N, C-alpha and C. Protein backbone atom coordinates (compact mmCIF):
# COMPACT_ATOMS: atom_id res chain seq x y z
N UNK A 1 14.34 74.24 2.11
CA UNK A 1 13.45 74.84 1.39
C UNK A 1 12.38 74.57 2.79
N UNK A 2 11.52 75.89 3.03
CA UNK A 2 11.18 76.29 4.23
C UNK A 2 12.69 75.62 5.83
N UNK A 3 13.38 75.97 5.77
CA UNK A 3 13.95 75.08 6.90
C UNK A 3 14.88 74.09 6.29
N UNK A 4 14.43 73.38 4.99
CA UNK A 4 15.05 71.73 5.36
C UNK A 4 15.73 72.05 4.41
N UNK A 5 16.98 70.86 4.69
CA UNK A 5 17.28 70.44 3.06
C UNK A 5 16.42 70.07 1.75
N UNK A 6 17.23 70.72 0.76
CA UNK A 6 16.37 70.23 -0.43
C UNK A 6 17.33 70.24 -1.62
N UNK A 7 16.95 69.48 -2.95
CA UNK A 7 17.38 69.08 -4.32
C UNK A 7 16.93 69.56 -5.40
N UNK A 8 17.13 70.92 -5.66
CA UNK A 8 17.09 71.48 -6.75
C UNK A 8 17.18 71.02 -8.14
N UNK A 9 16.48 71.41 -9.23
CA UNK A 9 16.83 71.93 -10.39
C UNK A 9 16.56 73.02 -11.40
N UNK A 10 17.54 73.83 -11.68
CA UNK A 10 17.48 75.32 -11.15
C UNK A 10 16.87 76.07 -10.86
N UNK A 11 16.73 75.82 -9.69
CA UNK A 11 15.80 76.91 -8.73
C UNK A 11 14.49 75.83 -8.82
N UNK A 12 13.98 74.66 -9.03
CA UNK A 12 13.08 74.37 -9.14
C UNK A 12 12.91 73.10 -8.07
N UNK A 13 12.26 72.84 -7.15
CA UNK A 13 12.63 71.63 -5.75
C UNK A 13 11.97 70.32 -6.70
N UNK A 14 12.92 69.16 -6.60
CA UNK A 14 12.66 68.07 -6.80
C UNK A 14 12.41 67.28 -5.81
N UNK A 15 13.27 67.00 -4.83
CA UNK A 15 12.68 66.83 -3.15
C UNK A 15 13.08 67.63 -2.30
N UNK A 16 12.81 67.56 -1.17
CA UNK A 16 13.22 67.67 0.36
C UNK A 16 12.88 66.61 1.60
N UNK A 17 13.08 67.61 2.76
CA UNK A 17 13.13 67.16 4.06
C UNK A 17 11.85 67.29 3.87
N UNK A 18 10.49 66.19 4.22
CA UNK A 18 9.11 66.79 5.16
C UNK A 18 9.46 67.62 6.23
N UNK A 19 9.03 68.87 6.51
CA UNK A 19 8.89 69.90 7.37
C UNK A 19 7.63 69.68 7.99
N UNK A 20 6.87 69.37 6.78
CA UNK A 20 5.07 69.67 7.83
C UNK A 20 5.05 68.78 8.60
N UNK A 21 3.93 69.32 9.98
CA UNK A 21 4.06 68.45 10.56
C UNK A 21 3.21 67.34 11.13
N UNK A 22 2.24 67.09 9.52
CA UNK A 22 1.20 66.27 9.37
C UNK A 22 2.52 64.83 8.79
N UNK A 23 3.60 65.26 8.07
CA UNK A 23 4.11 64.27 7.75
C UNK A 23 4.93 63.74 9.23
N UNK A 24 5.21 62.08 8.67
CA UNK A 24 6.30 61.91 9.59
C UNK A 24 7.73 61.75 9.77
N UNK A 25 8.19 61.90 10.64
CA UNK A 25 9.49 62.22 10.84
C UNK A 25 10.79 61.23 10.05
N UNK A 26 11.55 61.96 8.99
CA UNK A 26 12.75 60.73 8.38
C UNK A 26 12.07 61.07 7.34
N UNK A 27 10.49 61.56 6.69
CA UNK A 27 9.97 61.50 5.43
C UNK A 27 10.74 62.25 4.53
N UNK A 28 10.97 62.09 3.53
CA UNK A 28 10.88 62.87 1.88
C UNK A 28 9.74 63.26 0.92
N UNK A 29 9.85 64.23 0.60
CA UNK A 29 9.37 64.62 -0.13
C UNK A 29 9.52 64.15 -1.44
N UNK A 30 9.42 63.87 -2.44
CA UNK A 30 9.64 64.01 -4.62
C UNK A 30 8.71 64.15 -4.87
N UNK A 31 9.32 65.45 -5.51
CA UNK A 31 7.49 65.63 -6.96
C UNK A 31 7.89 64.37 -7.77
N UNK A 32 6.82 64.66 -8.16
CA UNK A 32 6.74 63.18 -9.05
C UNK A 32 5.45 63.49 -9.79
N UNK A 33 4.44 63.07 -10.77
CA UNK A 33 3.79 63.26 -11.12
C UNK A 33 2.13 62.68 -10.37
N UNK A 34 0.72 62.53 -10.47
CA UNK A 34 0.10 62.20 -10.15
C UNK A 34 -0.21 60.64 -10.51
N UNK A 35 -0.28 60.61 -12.22
CA UNK A 35 -0.29 59.19 -11.93
C UNK A 35 0.58 58.29 -11.15
N UNK A 36 2.47 58.83 -11.36
CA UNK A 36 3.36 57.78 -10.88
C UNK A 36 3.28 57.50 -9.18
N UNK A 37 2.77 58.68 -8.76
CA UNK A 37 2.22 58.39 -7.57
C UNK A 37 1.36 57.96 -7.31
N UNK A 38 0.09 57.83 -7.95
CA UNK A 38 -0.89 57.00 -7.85
C UNK A 38 -0.44 55.21 -7.98
N UNK A 39 0.23 55.37 -8.92
CA UNK A 39 0.66 53.86 -8.53
C UNK A 39 2.09 53.51 -7.56
N UNK A 40 2.85 54.35 -6.98
CA UNK A 40 3.35 53.94 -5.65
C UNK A 40 2.53 53.76 -4.51
N UNK A 41 1.67 53.87 -4.07
CA UNK A 41 0.60 54.13 -2.86
C UNK A 41 0.03 53.04 -3.54
N UNK A 42 -0.55 52.87 -4.64
CA UNK A 42 -0.97 51.47 -4.71
C UNK A 42 0.18 49.98 -4.23
N UNK A 43 1.16 50.56 -5.17
CA UNK A 43 1.53 49.72 -5.03
C UNK A 43 2.87 48.98 -3.82
N UNK A 44 3.18 50.05 -2.60
CA UNK A 44 3.83 50.47 -1.55
C UNK A 44 3.46 51.50 -0.88
N UNK A 45 2.37 50.96 -0.36
CA UNK A 45 1.62 51.71 0.76
C UNK A 45 2.37 52.14 1.83
N UNK A 46 3.31 51.30 2.36
CA UNK A 46 4.39 50.80 3.35
C UNK A 46 5.23 51.84 3.38
N UNK A 47 6.15 52.27 1.76
CA UNK A 47 6.52 53.13 2.11
C UNK A 47 7.08 54.47 1.54
N UNK A 48 5.77 54.00 0.72
CA UNK A 48 5.51 55.93 -0.01
C UNK A 48 3.86 56.23 0.76
N UNK A 49 3.69 57.21 0.33
CA UNK A 49 2.49 57.83 1.58
C UNK A 49 2.07 58.89 0.96
N UNK A 50 1.53 60.13 1.21
CA UNK A 50 0.43 61.39 1.07
C UNK A 50 -0.69 61.29 2.36
N UNK A 51 -0.26 62.74 2.71
CA UNK A 51 -0.89 63.56 3.73
C UNK A 51 -2.07 64.51 2.90
N UNK A 52 -2.76 65.07 4.00
CA UNK A 52 -3.97 66.08 3.05
C UNK A 52 -3.14 67.23 2.59
N UNK A 53 -2.02 67.73 2.99
CA UNK A 53 -1.71 68.34 2.16
C UNK A 53 -0.94 68.59 1.39
N UNK A 54 -0.54 67.02 1.12
CA UNK A 54 0.11 67.40 -0.53
C UNK A 54 -0.75 66.81 -1.16
N UNK A 55 -1.94 66.63 -1.13
CA UNK A 55 -3.24 65.79 -2.11
C UNK A 55 -3.27 66.50 -2.96
N UNK A 56 -3.05 67.88 -3.22
CA UNK A 56 -3.04 68.35 -4.27
C UNK A 56 -1.26 69.09 -5.10
N UNK A 57 -0.40 68.00 -4.79
CA UNK A 57 0.20 69.09 -4.92
C UNK A 57 0.94 67.16 -5.90
N UNK A 58 1.82 67.49 -6.89
CA UNK A 58 2.38 66.84 -7.71
C UNK A 58 4.05 65.67 -7.47
N UNK A 59 3.10 65.29 -5.67
CA UNK A 59 4.62 64.95 -5.21
C UNK A 59 3.47 63.52 -4.18
N UNK A 60 4.90 62.72 -3.48
CA UNK A 60 4.81 62.15 -2.40
C UNK A 60 5.40 61.71 -1.81
N UNK A 61 5.07 61.62 -0.37
CA UNK A 61 6.23 61.07 1.07
C UNK A 61 7.25 60.05 0.88
N UNK A 62 7.80 59.84 1.07
CA UNK A 62 8.71 58.65 0.99
C UNK A 62 9.60 57.97 2.89
N UNK A 63 9.19 57.20 3.24
CA UNK A 63 9.40 56.73 4.50
C UNK A 63 11.00 56.10 3.89
N UNK A 64 11.98 57.40 4.75
CA UNK A 64 13.30 56.78 3.60
C UNK A 64 13.76 55.63 4.78
N UNK A 65 13.26 55.48 5.78
CA UNK A 65 14.05 54.35 6.27
C UNK A 65 13.48 53.25 5.51
N UNK A 66 12.09 52.80 4.64
CA UNK A 66 11.88 51.67 4.47
C UNK A 66 11.99 51.64 2.82
N UNK A 67 12.62 52.30 2.37
CA UNK A 67 13.08 52.52 0.80
C UNK A 67 14.61 52.13 0.49
N UNK A 68 14.14 50.95 -0.47
CA UNK A 68 15.85 50.53 -0.80
C UNK A 68 16.90 51.91 -2.17
N UNK A 69 17.99 51.33 -1.23
CA UNK A 69 18.53 52.53 -2.41
C UNK A 69 18.50 52.90 -3.77
N UNK A 70 18.27 51.29 -4.37
CA UNK A 70 17.67 51.59 -6.18
C UNK A 70 16.31 52.22 -6.17
N UNK A 71 15.70 51.57 -4.95
CA UNK A 71 14.43 52.84 -5.46
C UNK A 71 14.06 54.29 -5.66
N UNK A 72 15.25 54.66 -3.78
CA UNK A 72 16.09 55.81 -3.94
C UNK A 72 15.82 56.41 -5.71
N UNK A 73 16.85 56.00 -5.82
CA UNK A 73 17.67 56.54 -7.02
C UNK A 73 16.58 56.44 -8.01
N UNK A 74 15.88 55.78 -8.85
CA UNK A 74 14.59 55.53 -9.23
C UNK A 74 14.27 56.60 -9.58
N UNK A 75 13.48 56.71 -8.31
CA UNK A 75 12.15 58.10 -7.87
C UNK A 75 13.00 58.87 -8.10
N UNK A 76 14.42 59.53 -7.52
CA UNK A 76 14.84 60.82 -7.90
C UNK A 76 15.00 61.03 -9.35
N UNK A 77 15.38 60.13 -10.22
CA UNK A 77 15.50 60.35 -11.54
C UNK A 77 14.92 60.85 -11.75
N UNK A 78 13.37 59.94 -11.39
CA UNK A 78 11.65 60.10 -12.32
C UNK A 78 11.06 61.41 -11.97
N UNK A 79 11.80 62.35 -10.85
CA UNK A 79 11.65 63.87 -10.51
C UNK A 79 12.88 64.54 -10.92
N UNK A 80 13.26 64.24 -11.78
CA UNK A 80 15.05 64.99 -12.08
C UNK A 80 13.64 64.88 -13.81
N UNK A 81 12.90 64.20 -14.16
CA UNK A 81 12.57 63.92 -15.30
C UNK A 81 11.46 65.32 -15.48
N UNK A 82 10.42 64.78 -14.40
CA UNK A 82 9.43 65.29 -13.90
C UNK A 82 9.51 67.24 -14.04
N UNK A 83 10.50 67.20 -13.05
CA UNK A 83 10.27 68.65 -12.83
C UNK A 83 11.81 69.24 -14.30
N UNK A 84 12.30 68.62 -14.87
CA UNK A 84 13.20 69.42 -16.56
C UNK A 84 11.99 69.46 -17.03
N UNK A 85 11.22 68.34 -17.18
CA UNK A 85 10.09 68.07 -18.22
C UNK A 85 9.07 69.40 -18.17
N UNK A 86 8.54 69.78 -16.71
CA UNK A 86 7.50 71.12 -16.00
C UNK A 86 8.00 72.31 -16.91
N UNK A 87 9.59 72.57 -16.82
CA UNK A 87 10.80 73.51 -16.59
C UNK A 87 10.18 73.65 -18.74
N UNK A 88 11.13 72.54 -19.59
CA UNK A 88 10.40 72.90 -21.00
C UNK A 88 9.66 73.21 -21.13
N UNK A 89 8.41 72.74 -20.36
CA UNK A 89 6.86 73.73 -20.94
C UNK A 89 7.16 74.86 -20.81
N UNK A 90 7.34 75.13 -20.09
CA UNK A 90 7.29 77.11 -19.74
C UNK A 90 8.02 77.36 -20.08
N UNK A 91 9.41 77.12 -20.39
CA UNK A 91 9.95 78.08 -21.65
C UNK A 91 9.20 77.89 -22.94
N UNK A 92 8.82 77.37 -23.40
CA UNK A 92 8.21 76.69 -24.56
C UNK A 92 6.80 78.07 -24.58
N UNK A 93 6.04 77.70 -23.49
CA UNK A 93 4.79 78.83 -23.24
C UNK A 93 5.58 80.08 -22.81
N UNK A 94 5.89 80.45 -22.62
CA UNK A 94 6.60 82.15 -22.44
C UNK A 94 7.38 82.47 -24.37
N UNK A 95 7.89 81.56 -24.90
CA UNK A 95 8.26 82.01 -26.08
C UNK A 95 7.30 82.18 -27.01
N UNK A 96 6.45 81.59 -26.86
CA UNK A 96 5.05 81.84 -27.50
C UNK A 96 4.02 83.13 -27.18
N UNK A 97 3.96 84.03 -26.15
CA UNK A 97 3.68 84.27 -25.90
C UNK A 97 4.38 85.45 -26.95
């Protein structure tokens, strides 16, 4: 994704290394819904953060050196569910047209 390593599901972004200058080095961008992002930011602002660039995107930035392995696994599973649900909605809409 823009020259950075990325994980995708059927061509749709799940997560990638943050390449924007506004993000801290060693950060991962993970796609999740806004409610989950808000909860992560409130619960652990040391590990999870957002910059103005990502404010309008359904994603969160993760400081990889601070996140526990199990928490990262759970976060990536949430990203998979979020992206796959979004793809299902789009397929349904395209069939309705």
